[in-house]
Amino acid sequence: FKLDNHAELLKIIKEKTGELRGALGNK
C-alpha cells in the first residue's frame, strides 16, 4: 500500500526468508 518498488521490497523479504521461517518456527 502506497509503495512503488514492489519488486525490490519483495526481493528484500525473500532474502530474509530463513530468518522469518526461524522466527515462525519458534512461535
mmCIF file of all heavy atoms, coordinates in Angstrom:
data_MODEL
# 
_entry.id   MODEL 
# 
loop_
_atom_site.group_PDB 
_atom_site.id 
_atom_site.type_symbol 
_atom_site.label_atom_id 
_atom_site.label_alt_id 
_atom_site.label_comp_id 
_atom_site.label_asym_id 
_atom_site.label_entity_id 
_atom_site.label_seq_id 
_atom_site.pdbx_PDB_ins_code 
_atom_site.Cartn_x 
_atom_site.Cartn_y 
_atom_site.Cartn_z 
_atom_site.occupancy 
_atom_site.B_iso_or_equiv 
_atom_site.pdbx_formal_charge 
_atom_site.auth_seq_id 
_atom_site.auth_comp_id 
_atom_site.auth_asym_id 
_atom_site.auth_atom_id 
_atom_site.pdbx_PDB_model_num 
ATOM 1   N N   . PHE A 1 1  ? 0.842  -1.194  0.000  1.00 0.00 ? 1  PHE A N   1 
ATOM 2   C CA  . PHE A 1 1  ? 0.000  0.000   0.000  1.00 0.00 ? 1  PHE A CA  1 
ATOM 3   C C   . PHE A 1 1  ? 0.875  1.241   0.000  1.00 0.00 ? 1  PHE A C   1 
ATOM 4   O O   . PHE A 1 1  ? 1.725  1.399   0.879  1.00 0.00 ? 1  PHE A O   1 
ATOM 5   C CB  . PHE A 1 1  ? -0.923 -0.017  1.233  1.00 0.00 ? 1  PHE A CB  1 
ATOM 6   C CG  . PHE A 1 1  ? -1.870 1.138   1.314  1.00 0.00 ? 1  PHE A CG  1 
ATOM 7   C CD1 . PHE A 1 1  ? -2.916 1.243   0.417  1.00 0.00 ? 1  PHE A CD1 1 
ATOM 8   C CD2 . PHE A 1 1  ? -1.695 2.114   2.262  1.00 0.00 ? 1  PHE A CD2 1 
ATOM 9   C CE1 . PHE A 1 1  ? -3.791 2.316   0.485  1.00 0.00 ? 1  PHE A CE1 1 
ATOM 10  C CE2 . PHE A 1 1  ? -2.561 3.188   2.341  1.00 0.00 ? 1  PHE A CE2 1 
ATOM 11  C CZ  . PHE A 1 1  ? -3.617 3.287   1.444  1.00 0.00 ? 1  PHE A CZ  1 
ATOM 12  N N   . LYS A 1 2  ? 0.683  2.078   -0.989 1.00 0.00 ? 2  LYS A N   1 
ATOM 13  C CA  . LYS A 1 2  ? 1.444  3.321   -1.168 1.00 0.00 ? 2  LYS A CA  1 
ATOM 14  C C   . LYS A 1 2  ? 2.937  3.073   -1.300 1.00 0.00 ? 2  LYS A C   1 
ATOM 15  O O   . LYS A 1 2  ? 3.759  3.805   -0.759 1.00 0.00 ? 2  LYS A O   1 
ATOM 16  C CB  . LYS A 1 2  ? 1.159  4.311   -0.032 1.00 0.00 ? 2  LYS A CB  1 
ATOM 17  C CG  . LYS A 1 2  ? -0.241 4.871   -0.061 1.00 0.00 ? 2  LYS A CG  1 
ATOM 18  C CD  . LYS A 1 2  ? -0.387 6.021   0.881  1.00 0.00 ? 2  LYS A CD  1 
ATOM 19  C CE  . LYS A 1 2  ? -1.778 6.616   0.758  1.00 0.00 ? 2  LYS A CE  1 
ATOM 20  N NZ  . LYS A 1 2  ? -1.956 7.793   1.573  1.00 0.00 ? 2  LYS A NZ  1 
ATOM 21  N N   . LEU A 1 3  ? 3.292  2.008   -1.995 1.00 0.00 ? 3  LEU A N   1 
ATOM 22  C CA  . LEU A 1 3  ? 4.694  1.698   -2.276 1.00 0.00 ? 3  LEU A CA  1 
ATOM 23  C C   . LEU A 1 3  ? 4.843  1.473   -3.773 1.00 0.00 ? 3  LEU A C   1 
ATOM 24  O O   . LEU A 1 3  ? 4.015  0.802   -4.394 1.00 0.00 ? 3  LEU A O   1 
ATOM 25  C CB  . LEU A 1 3  ? 5.130  0.443   -1.520 1.00 0.00 ? 3  LEU A CB  1 
ATOM 26  C CG  . LEU A 1 3  ? 5.206  0.581   -0.001 1.00 0.00 ? 3  LEU A CG  1 
ATOM 27  C CD1 . LEU A 1 3  ? 5.328  -0.776  0.644  1.00 0.00 ? 3  LEU A CD1 1 
ATOM 28  C CD2 . LEU A 1 3  ? 6.364  1.467   0.390  1.00 0.00 ? 3  LEU A CD2 1 
ATOM 29  N N   . ASP A 1 4  ? 5.906  2.013   -4.333 1.00 0.00 ? 4  ASP A N   1 
ATOM 30  C CA  . ASP A 1 4  ? 6.107  1.916   -5.775 1.00 0.00 ? 4  ASP A CA  1 
ATOM 31  C C   . ASP A 1 4  ? 6.986  0.742   -6.188 1.00 0.00 ? 4  ASP A C   1 
ATOM 32  O O   . ASP A 1 4  ? 6.730  0.099   -7.189 1.00 0.00 ? 4  ASP A O   1 
ATOM 33  C CB  . ASP A 1 4  ? 6.721  3.221   -6.312 1.00 0.00 ? 4  ASP A CB  1 
ATOM 34  C CG  . ASP A 1 4  ? 5.777  4.399   -6.130 1.00 0.00 ? 4  ASP A CG  1 
ATOM 35  O OD1 . ASP A 1 4  ? 4.552  4.196   -6.188 1.00 0.00 ? 4  ASP A OD1 1 
ATOM 36  O OD2 . ASP A 1 4  ? 6.282  5.520   -5.932 1.00 0.00 ? 4  ASP A OD2 1 
ATOM 37  N N   . ASN A 1 5  ? 8.017  0.466   -5.438 1.00 0.00 ? 5  ASN A N   1 
ATOM 38  C CA  . ASN A 1 5  ? 9.003  -0.535  -5.840 1.00 0.00 ? 5  ASN A CA  1 
ATOM 39  C C   . ASN A 1 5  ? 8.695  -1.911  -5.225 1.00 0.00 ? 5  ASN A C   1 
ATOM 40  O O   . ASN A 1 5  ? 9.438  -2.409  -4.394 1.00 0.00 ? 5  ASN A O   1 
ATOM 41  C CB  . ASN A 1 5  ? 10.410 -0.058  -5.469 1.00 0.00 ? 5  ASN A CB  1 
ATOM 42  C CG  . ASN A 1 5  ? 10.497 0.401   -4.020 1.00 0.00 ? 5  ASN A CG  1 
ATOM 43  O OD1 . ASN A 1 5  ? 9.499  0.467   -3.326 1.00 0.00 ? 5  ASN A OD1 1 
ATOM 44  N ND2 . ASN A 1 5  ? 11.695 0.711   -3.585 1.00 0.00 ? 5  ASN A ND2 1 
ATOM 45  N N   . HIS A 1 6  ? 7.604  -2.508  -5.661 1.00 0.00 ? 6  HIS A N   1 
ATOM 46  C CA  . HIS A 1 6  ? 7.169  -3.800  -5.126 1.00 0.00 ? 6  HIS A CA  1 
ATOM 47  C C   . HIS A 1 6  ? 8.233  -4.877  -5.306 1.00 0.00 ? 6  HIS A C   1 
ATOM 48  O O   . HIS A 1 6  ? 8.496  -5.654  -4.392 1.00 0.00 ? 6  HIS A O   1 
ATOM 49  C CB  . HIS A 1 6  ? 5.884  -4.265  -5.798 1.00 0.00 ? 6  HIS A CB  1 
ATOM 50  C CG  . HIS A 1 6  ? 4.743  -3.327  -5.626 1.00 0.00 ? 6  HIS A CG  1 
ATOM 51  N ND1 . HIS A 1 6  ? 3.561  -3.490  -6.294 1.00 0.00 ? 6  HIS A ND1 1 
ATOM 52  C CD2 . HIS A 1 6  ? 4.586  -2.216  -4.875 1.00 0.00 ? 6  HIS A CD2 1 
ATOM 53  C CE1 . HIS A 1 6  ? 2.732  -2.522  -5.969 1.00 0.00 ? 6  HIS A CE1 1 
ATOM 54  N NE2 . HIS A 1 6  ? 3.333  -1.733  -5.113 1.00 0.00 ? 6  HIS A NE2 1 
ATOM 55  N N   . ALA A 1 7  ? 8.822  -4.930  -6.489 1.00 0.00 ? 7  ALA A N   1 
ATOM 56  C CA  . ALA A 1 7  ? 9.791  -5.987  -6.796 1.00 0.00 ? 7  ALA A CA  1 
ATOM 57  C C   . ALA A 1 7  ? 11.008 -5.908  -5.874 1.00 0.00 ? 7  ALA A C   1 
ATOM 58  O O   . ALA A 1 7  ? 11.478 -6.934  -5.378 1.00 0.00 ? 7  ALA A O   1 
ATOM 59  C CB  . ALA A 1 7  ? 10.219 -5.899  -8.257 1.00 0.00 ? 7  ALA A CB  1 
ATOM 60  N N   . GLU A 1 8  ? 11.491 -4.713  -5.626 1.00 0.00 ? 8  GLU A N   1 
ATOM 61  C CA  . GLU A 1 8  ? 12.662 -4.546  -4.760 1.00 0.00 ? 8  GLU A CA  1 
ATOM 62  C C   . GLU A 1 8  ? 12.338 -4.951  -3.317 1.00 0.00 ? 8  GLU A C   1 
ATOM 63  O O   . GLU A 1 8  ? 13.117 -5.644  -2.664 1.00 0.00 ? 8  GLU A O   1 
ATOM 64  C CB  . GLU A 1 8  ? 13.131 -3.095  -4.800 1.00 0.00 ? 8  GLU A CB  1 
ATOM 65  C CG  . GLU A 1 8  ? 14.376 -2.836  -3.981 1.00 0.00 ? 8  GLU A CG  1 
ATOM 66  C CD  . GLU A 1 8  ? 14.792 -1.379  -4.047 1.00 0.00 ? 8  GLU A CD  1 
ATOM 67  O OE1 . GLU A 1 8  ? 14.685 -0.770  -5.126 1.00 0.00 ? 8  GLU A OE1 1 
ATOM 68  O OE2 . GLU A 1 8  ? 15.219 -0.858  -2.999 1.00 0.00 ? 8  GLU A OE2 1 
ATOM 69  N N   . LEU A 1 9  ? 11.180 -4.533  -2.822 1.00 0.00 ? 9  LEU A N   1 
ATOM 70  C CA  . LEU A 1 9  ? 10.789 -4.886  -1.458 1.00 0.00 ? 9  LEU A CA  1 
ATOM 71  C C   . LEU A 1 9  ? 10.532 -6.381  -1.322 1.00 0.00 ? 9  LEU A C   1 
ATOM 72  O O   . LEU A 1 9  ? 10.879 -6.987  -0.308 1.00 0.00 ? 9  LEU A O   1 
ATOM 73  C CB  . LEU A 1 9  ? 9.548  -4.092  -1.051 1.00 0.00 ? 9  LEU A CB  1 
ATOM 74  C CG  . LEU A 1 9  ? 9.772  -2.586  -0.906 1.00 0.00 ? 9  LEU A CG  1 
ATOM 75  C CD1 . LEU A 1 9  ? 8.449  -1.863  -0.710 1.00 0.00 ? 9  LEU A CD1 1 
ATOM 76  C CD2 . LEU A 1 9  ? 10.724 -2.287  0.230  1.00 0.00 ? 9  LEU A CD2 1 
ATOM 77  N N   . LEU A 1 10 ? 9.932  -6.976  -2.342 1.00 0.00 ? 10 LEU A N   1 
ATOM 78  C CA  . LEU A 1 10 ? 9.696  -8.417  -2.325 1.00 0.00 ? 10 LEU A CA  1 
ATOM 79  C C   . LEU A 1 10 ? 11.027 -9.164  -2.296 1.00 0.00 ? 10 LEU A C   1 
ATOM 80  O O   . LEU A 1 10 ? 11.173 -10.161 -1.593 1.00 0.00 ? 10 LEU A O   1 
ATOM 81  C CB  . LEU A 1 10 ? 8.864  -8.825  -3.544 1.00 0.00 ? 10 LEU A CB  1 
ATOM 82  C CG  . LEU A 1 10 ? 8.293  -10.221 -3.558 1.00 0.00 ? 10 LEU A CG  1 
ATOM 83  C CD1 . LEU A 1 10 ? 7.384  -10.462 -2.364 1.00 0.00 ? 10 LEU A CD1 1 
ATOM 84  C CD2 . LEU A 1 10 ? 7.523  -10.461 -4.842 1.00 0.00 ? 10 LEU A CD2 1 
ATOM 85  N N   . LYS A 1 11 ? 12.016 -8.648  -3.018 1.00 0.00 ? 11 LYS A N   1 
ATOM 86  C CA  . LYS A 1 11 ? 13.347 -9.257  -3.024 1.00 0.00 ? 11 LYS A CA  1 
ATOM 87  C C   . LYS A 1 11 ? 13.978 -9.194  -1.634 1.00 0.00 ? 11 LYS A C   1 
ATOM 88  O O   . LYS A 1 11 ? 14.567 -10.163 -1.161 1.00 0.00 ? 11 LYS A O   1 
ATOM 89  C CB  . LYS A 1 11 ? 14.236 -8.550  -4.048 1.00 0.00 ? 11 LYS A CB  1 
ATOM 90  C CG  . LYS A 1 11 ? 15.617 -9.132  -4.165 1.00 0.00 ? 11 LYS A CG  1 
ATOM 91  C CD  . LYS A 1 11 ? 16.446 -8.367  -5.177 1.00 0.00 ? 11 LYS A CD  1 
ATOM 92  C CE  . LYS A 1 11 ? 17.867 -8.875  -5.176 1.00 0.00 ? 11 LYS A CE  1 
ATOM 93  N NZ  . LYS A 1 11 ? 18.754 -8.030  -5.948 1.00 0.00 ? 11 LYS A NZ  1 
ATOM 94  N N   . ILE A 1 12 ? 13.833 -8.059  -0.952 1.00 0.00 ? 12 ILE A N   1 
ATOM 95  C CA  . ILE A 1 12 ? 14.366 -7.906  0.405  1.00 0.00 ? 12 ILE A CA  1 
ATOM 96  C C   . ILE A 1 12 ? 13.718 -8.919  1.346  1.00 0.00 ? 12 ILE A C   1 
ATOM 97  O O   . ILE A 1 12 ? 14.397 -9.559  2.155  1.00 0.00 ? 12 ILE A O   1 
ATOM 98  C CB  . ILE A 1 12 ? 14.145 -6.460  0.915  1.00 0.00 ? 12 ILE A CB  1 
ATOM 99  C CG1 . ILE A 1 12 ? 15.026 -5.481  0.131  1.00 0.00 ? 12 ILE A CG1 1 
ATOM 100 C CG2 . ILE A 1 12 ? 14.410 -6.353  2.408  1.00 0.00 ? 12 ILE A CG2 1 
ATOM 101 C CD1 . ILE A 1 12 ? 14.689 -4.023  0.368  1.00 0.00 ? 12 ILE A CD1 1 
ATOM 102 N N   . ILE A 1 13 ? 12.418 -9.065  1.239  1.00 0.00 ? 13 ILE A N   1 
ATOM 103 C CA  . ILE A 1 13 ? 11.700 -10.009 2.098  1.00 0.00 ? 13 ILE A CA  1 
ATOM 104 C C   . ILE A 1 13 ? 12.114 -11.441 1.787  1.00 0.00 ? 13 ILE A C   1 
ATOM 105 O O   . ILE A 1 13 ? 12.313 -12.254 2.692  1.00 0.00 ? 13 ILE A O   1 
ATOM 106 C CB  . ILE A 1 13 ? 10.180 -9.806  1.968  1.00 0.00 ? 13 ILE A CB  1 
ATOM 107 C CG1 . ILE A 1 13 ? 9.798  -8.458  2.589  1.00 0.00 ? 13 ILE A CG1 1 
ATOM 108 C CG2 . ILE A 1 13 ? 9.413  -10.942 2.629  1.00 0.00 ? 13 ILE A CG2 1 
ATOM 109 C CD1 . ILE A 1 13 ? 8.397  -8.014  2.337  1.00 0.00 ? 13 ILE A CD1 1 
ATOM 110 N N   . LYS A 1 14 ? 12.279 -11.760 0.498  1.00 0.00 ? 14 LYS A N   1 
ATOM 111 C CA  . LYS A 1 14 ? 12.700 -13.110 0.126  1.00 0.00 ? 14 LYS A CA  1 
ATOM 112 C C   . LYS A 1 14 ? 14.098 -13.423 0.662  1.00 0.00 ? 14 LYS A C   1 
ATOM 113 O O   . LYS A 1 14 ? 14.388 -14.562 1.009  1.00 0.00 ? 14 LYS A O   1 
ATOM 114 C CB  . LYS A 1 14 ? 12.653 -13.288 -1.393 1.00 0.00 ? 14 LYS A CB  1 
ATOM 115 C CG  . LYS A 1 14 ? 11.250 -13.449 -1.929 1.00 0.00 ? 14 LYS A CG  1 
ATOM 116 C CD  . LYS A 1 14 ? 11.236 -13.661 -3.427 1.00 0.00 ? 14 LYS A CD  1 
ATOM 117 C CE  . LYS A 1 14 ? 9.829  -13.847 -3.945 1.00 0.00 ? 14 LYS A CE  1 
ATOM 118 N NZ  . LYS A 1 14 ? 9.797  -14.087 -5.383 1.00 0.00 ? 14 LYS A NZ  1 
ATOM 119 N N   . GLU A 1 15 ? 14.962 -12.415 0.734  1.00 0.00 ? 15 GLU A N   1 
ATOM 120 C CA  . GLU A 1 15 ? 16.299 -12.616 1.288  1.00 0.00 ? 15 GLU A CA  1 
ATOM 121 C C   . GLU A 1 15 ? 16.249 -12.945 2.772  1.00 0.00 ? 15 GLU A C   1 
ATOM 122 O O   . GLU A 1 15 ? 17.137 -13.604 3.300  1.00 0.00 ? 15 GLU A O   1 
ATOM 123 C CB  . GLU A 1 15 ? 17.163 -11.373 1.051  1.00 0.00 ? 15 GLU A CB  1 
ATOM 124 C CG  . GLU A 1 15 ? 17.561 -11.181 -0.391 1.00 0.00 ? 15 GLU A CG  1 
ATOM 125 C CD  . GLU A 1 15 ? 18.259 -9.861  -0.649 1.00 0.00 ? 15 GLU A CD  1 
ATOM 126 O OE1 . GLU A 1 15 ? 18.378 -9.030  0.284  1.00 0.00 ? 15 GLU A OE1 1 
ATOM 127 O OE2 . GLU A 1 15 ? 18.675 -9.649  -1.801 1.00 0.00 ? 15 GLU A OE2 1 
ATOM 128 N N   . LYS A 1 16 ? 15.211 -12.493 3.452  1.00 0.00 ? 16 LYS A N   1 
ATOM 129 C CA  . LYS A 1 16 ? 15.060 -12.736 4.888  1.00 0.00 ? 16 LYS A CA  1 
ATOM 130 C C   . LYS A 1 16 ? 14.202 -13.963 5.181  1.00 0.00 ? 16 LYS A C   1 
ATOM 131 O O   . LYS A 1 16 ? 13.815 -14.183 6.327  1.00 0.00 ? 16 LYS A O   1 
ATOM 132 C CB  . LYS A 1 16 ? 14.422 -11.515 5.554  1.00 0.00 ? 16 LYS A CB  1 
ATOM 133 C CG  . LYS A 1 16 ? 15.295 -10.291 5.543  1.00 0.00 ? 16 LYS A CG  1 
ATOM 134 C CD  . LYS A 1 16 ? 14.632 -9.180  6.306  1.00 0.00 ? 16 LYS A CD  1 
ATOM 135 C CE  . LYS A 1 16 ? 15.571 -7.993  6.379  1.00 0.00 ? 16 LYS A CE  1 
ATOM 136 N NZ  . LYS A 1 16 ? 15.490 -7.319  7.644  1.00 0.00 ? 16 LYS A NZ  1 
ATOM 137 N N   . THR A 1 17 ? 13.910 -14.771 4.179  1.00 0.00 ? 17 THR A N   1 
ATOM 138 C CA  . THR A 1 17 ? 13.028 -15.916 4.356  1.00 0.00 ? 17 THR A CA  1 
ATOM 139 C C   . THR A 1 17 ? 13.517 -16.854 5.454  1.00 0.00 ? 17 THR A C   1 
ATOM 140 O O   . THR A 1 17 ? 12.721 -17.326 6.269  1.00 0.00 ? 17 THR A O   1 
ATOM 141 C CB  . THR A 1 17 ? 12.858 -16.683 3.024  1.00 0.00 ? 17 THR A CB  1 
ATOM 142 O OG1 . THR A 1 17 ? 12.285 -15.805 2.056  1.00 0.00 ? 17 THR A OG1 1 
ATOM 143 C CG2 . THR A 1 17 ? 11.957 -17.891 3.187  1.00 0.00 ? 17 THR A CG2 1 
ATOM 144 N N   . GLY A 1 18 ? 14.803 -17.128 5.491  1.00 0.00 ? 18 GLY A N   1 
ATOM 145 C CA  . GLY A 1 18 ? 15.350 -18.025 6.510  1.00 0.00 ? 18 GLY A CA  1 
ATOM 146 C C   . GLY A 1 18 ? 15.123 -17.502 7.918  1.00 0.00 ? 18 GLY A C   1 
ATOM 147 O O   . GLY A 1 18 ? 14.707 -18.248 8.809  1.00 0.00 ? 18 GLY A O   1 
ATOM 148 N N   . GLU A 1 19 ? 15.395 -16.209 8.113  1.00 0.00 ? 19 GLU A N   1 
ATOM 149 C CA  . GLU A 1 19 ? 15.176 -15.597 9.429  1.00 0.00 ? 19 GLU A CA  1 
ATOM 150 C C   . GLU A 1 19 ? 13.702 -15.630 9.806  1.00 0.00 ? 19 GLU A C   1 
ATOM 151 O O   . GLU A 1 19 ? 13.353 -15.925 10.954 1.00 0.00 ? 19 GLU A O   1 
ATOM 152 C CB  . GLU A 1 19 ? 15.644 -14.142 9.417  1.00 0.00 ? 19 GLU A CB  1 
ATOM 153 C CG  . GLU A 1 19 ? 17.118 -13.940 9.200  1.00 0.00 ? 19 GLU A CG  1 
ATOM 154 C CD  . GLU A 1 19 ? 17.444 -12.469 9.004  1.00 0.00 ? 19 GLU A CD  1 
ATOM 155 O OE1 . GLU A 1 19 ? 16.820 -11.619 9.686  1.00 0.00 ? 19 GLU A OE1 1 
ATOM 156 O OE2 . GLU A 1 19 ? 18.308 -12.172 8.164  1.00 0.00 ? 19 GLU A OE2 1 
ATOM 157 N N   . LEU A 1 20 ? 12.842 -15.304 8.838  1.00 0.00 ? 20 LEU A N   1 
ATOM 158 C CA  . LEU A 1 20 ? 11.408 -15.271 9.104  1.00 0.00 ? 20 LEU A CA  1 
ATOM 159 C C   . LEU A 1 20 ? 10.871 -16.661 9.429  1.00 0.00 ? 20 LEU A C   1 
ATOM 160 O O   . LEU A 1 20 ? 10.055 -16.827 10.334 1.00 0.00 ? 20 LEU A O   1 
ATOM 161 C CB  . LEU A 1 20 ? 10.661 -14.675 7.901  1.00 0.00 ? 20 LEU A CB  1 
ATOM 162 C CG  . LEU A 1 20 ? 10.974 -13.206 7.597  1.00 0.00 ? 20 LEU A CG  1 
ATOM 163 C CD1 . LEU A 1 20 ? 10.354 -12.790 6.271  1.00 0.00 ? 20 LEU A CD1 1 
ATOM 164 C CD2 . LEU A 1 20 ? 10.499 -12.308 8.723  1.00 0.00 ? 20 LEU A CD2 1 
ATOM 165 N N   . ARG A 1 21 ? 11.366 -17.664 8.714  1.00 0.00 ? 21 ARG A N   1 
ATOM 166 C CA  . ARG A 1 21 ? 10.938 -19.041 8.973  1.00 0.00 ? 21 ARG A CA  1 
ATOM 167 C C   . ARG A 1 21 ? 11.412 -19.493 10.358 1.00 0.00 ? 21 ARG A C   1 
ATOM 168 O O   . ARG A 1 21 ? 10.690 -20.182 11.082 1.00 0.00 ? 21 ARG A O   1 
ATOM 169 C CB  . ARG A 1 21 ? 11.466 -19.981 7.893  1.00 0.00 ? 21 ARG A CB  1 
ATOM 170 C CG  . ARG A 1 21 ? 10.950 -21.396 8.053  1.00 0.00 ? 21 ARG A CG  1 
ATOM 171 C CD  . ARG A 1 21 ? 11.299 -22.249 6.834  1.00 0.00 ? 21 ARG A CD  1 
ATOM 172 N NE  . ARG A 1 21 ? 10.782 -23.577 7.017  1.00 0.00 ? 21 ARG A NE  1 
ATOM 173 C CZ  . ARG A 1 21 ? 11.524 -24.664 7.214  1.00 0.00 ? 21 ARG A CZ  1 
ATOM 174 N NH1 . ARG A 1 21 ? 12.842 -24.565 7.227  1.00 0.00 ? 21 ARG A NH1 1 
ATOM 175 N NH2 . ARG A 1 21 ? 10.970 -25.840 7.381  1.00 0.00 ? 21 ARG A NH2 1 
ATOM 176 N N   . GLY A 1 22 ? 12.617 -19.088 10.736 1.00 0.00 ? 22 GLY A N   1 
ATOM 177 C CA  . GLY A 1 22 ? 13.129 -19.411 12.063 1.00 0.00 ? 22 GLY A CA  1 
ATOM 178 C C   . GLY A 1 22 ? 12.281 -18.791 13.166 1.00 0.00 ? 22 GLY A C   1 
ATOM 179 O O   . GLY A 1 22 ? 11.960 -19.445 14.171 1.00 0.00 ? 22 GLY A O   1 
ATOM 180 N N   . ALA A 1 23 ? 11.903 -17.529 12.975 1.00 0.00 ? 23 ALA A N   1 
ATOM 181 C CA  . ALA A 1 23 ? 11.052 -16.851 13.955 1.00 0.00 ? 23 ALA A CA  1 
ATOM 182 C C   . ALA A 1 23 ? 9.682  -17.516 14.031 1.00 0.00 ? 23 ALA A C   1 
ATOM 183 O O   . ALA A 1 23 ? 9.121  -17.692 15.118 1.00 0.00 ? 23 ALA A O   1 
ATOM 184 C CB  . ALA A 1 23 ? 10.911 -15.373 13.591 1.00 0.00 ? 23 ALA A CB  1 
ATOM 185 N N   . LEU A 1 24 ? 9.164  -17.917 12.866 1.00 0.00 ? 24 LEU A N   1 
ATOM 186 C CA  . LEU A 1 24 ? 7.879  -18.617 12.830 1.00 0.00 ? 24 LEU A CA  1 
ATOM 187 C C   . LEU A 1 24 ? 7.988  -19.966 13.538 1.00 0.00 ? 24 LEU A C   1 
ATOM 188 O O   . LEU A 1 24 ? 7.095  -20.369 14.283 1.00 0.00 ? 24 LEU A O   1 
ATOM 189 C CB  . LEU A 1 24 ? 7.418  -18.811 11.383 1.00 0.00 ? 24 LEU A CB  1 
ATOM 190 C CG  . LEU A 1 24 ? 6.061  -19.467 11.179 1.00 0.00 ? 24 LEU A CG  1 
ATOM 191 C CD1 . LEU A 1 24 ? 4.953  -18.582 11.714 1.00 0.00 ? 24 LEU A CD1 1 
ATOM 192 C CD2 . LEU A 1 24 ? 5.830  -19.759 9.702  1.00 0.00 ? 24 LEU A CD2 1 
ATOM 193 N N   . GLY A 1 25 ? 9.108  -20.650 13.334 1.00 0.00 ? 25 GLY A N   1 
ATOM 194 C CA  . GLY A 1 25 ? 9.337  -21.934 13.984 1.00 0.00 ? 25 GLY A CA  1 
ATOM 195 C C   . GLY A 1 25 ? 9.359  -21.812 15.498 1.00 0.00 ? 25 GLY A C   1 
ATOM 196 O O   . GLY A 1 25 ? 8.836  -22.675 16.209 1.00 0.00 ? 25 GLY A O   1 
ATOM 197 N N   . ASN A 1 26 ? 9.953  -20.731 16.009 1.00 0.00 ? 26 ASN A N   1 
ATOM 198 C CA  . ASN A 1 26 ? 9.978  -20.507 17.452 1.00 0.00 ? 26 ASN A CA  1 
ATOM 199 C C   . ASN A 1 26 ? 8.572  -20.323 18.015 1.00 0.00 ? 26 ASN A C   1 
ATOM 200 O O   . ASN A 1 26 ? 8.299  -20.741 19.142 1.00 0.00 ? 26 ASN A O   1 
ATOM 201 C CB  . ASN A 1 26 ? 10.840 -19.294 17.806 1.00 0.00 ? 26 ASN A CB  1 
ATOM 202 C CG  . ASN A 1 26 ? 12.307 -19.565 17.614 1.00 0.00 ? 26 ASN A CG  1 
ATOM 203 O OD1 . ASN A 1 26 ? 12.756 -20.703 17.671 1.00 0.00 ? 26 ASN A OD1 1 
ATOM 204 N ND2 . ASN A 1 26 ? 13.071 -18.512 17.366 1.00 0.00 ? 26 ASN A ND2 1 
ATOM 205 N N   . LYS A 1 27 ? 7.701  -19.699 17.239 1.00 0.00 ? 27 LYS A N   1 
ATOM 206 C CA  . LYS A 1 27 ? 6.327  -19.460 17.693 1.00 0.00 ? 27 LYS A CA  1 
ATOM 207 C C   . LYS A 1 27 ? 5.452  -20.706 17.587 1.00 0.00 ? 27 LYS A C   1 
ATOM 208 O O   . LYS A 1 27 ? 4.575  -20.923 18.418 1.00 0.00 ? 27 LYS A O   1 
ATOM 209 C CB  . LYS A 1 27 ? 5.689  -18.329 16.877 1.00 0.00 ? 27 LYS A CB  1 
ATOM 210 C CG  . LYS A 1 27 ? 6.268  -16.982 17.144 1.00 0.00 ? 27 LYS A CG  1 
ATOM 211 C CD  . LYS A 1 27 ? 5.799  -16.485 18.474 1.00 0.00 ? 27 LYS A CD  1 
ATOM 212 C CE  . LYS A 1 27 ? 6.171  -15.044 18.663 1.00 0.00 ? 27 LYS A CE  1 
ATOM 213 N NZ  . LYS A 1 27 ? 5.698  -14.535 19.926 1.00 0.00 ? 27 LYS A NZ  1 
# 
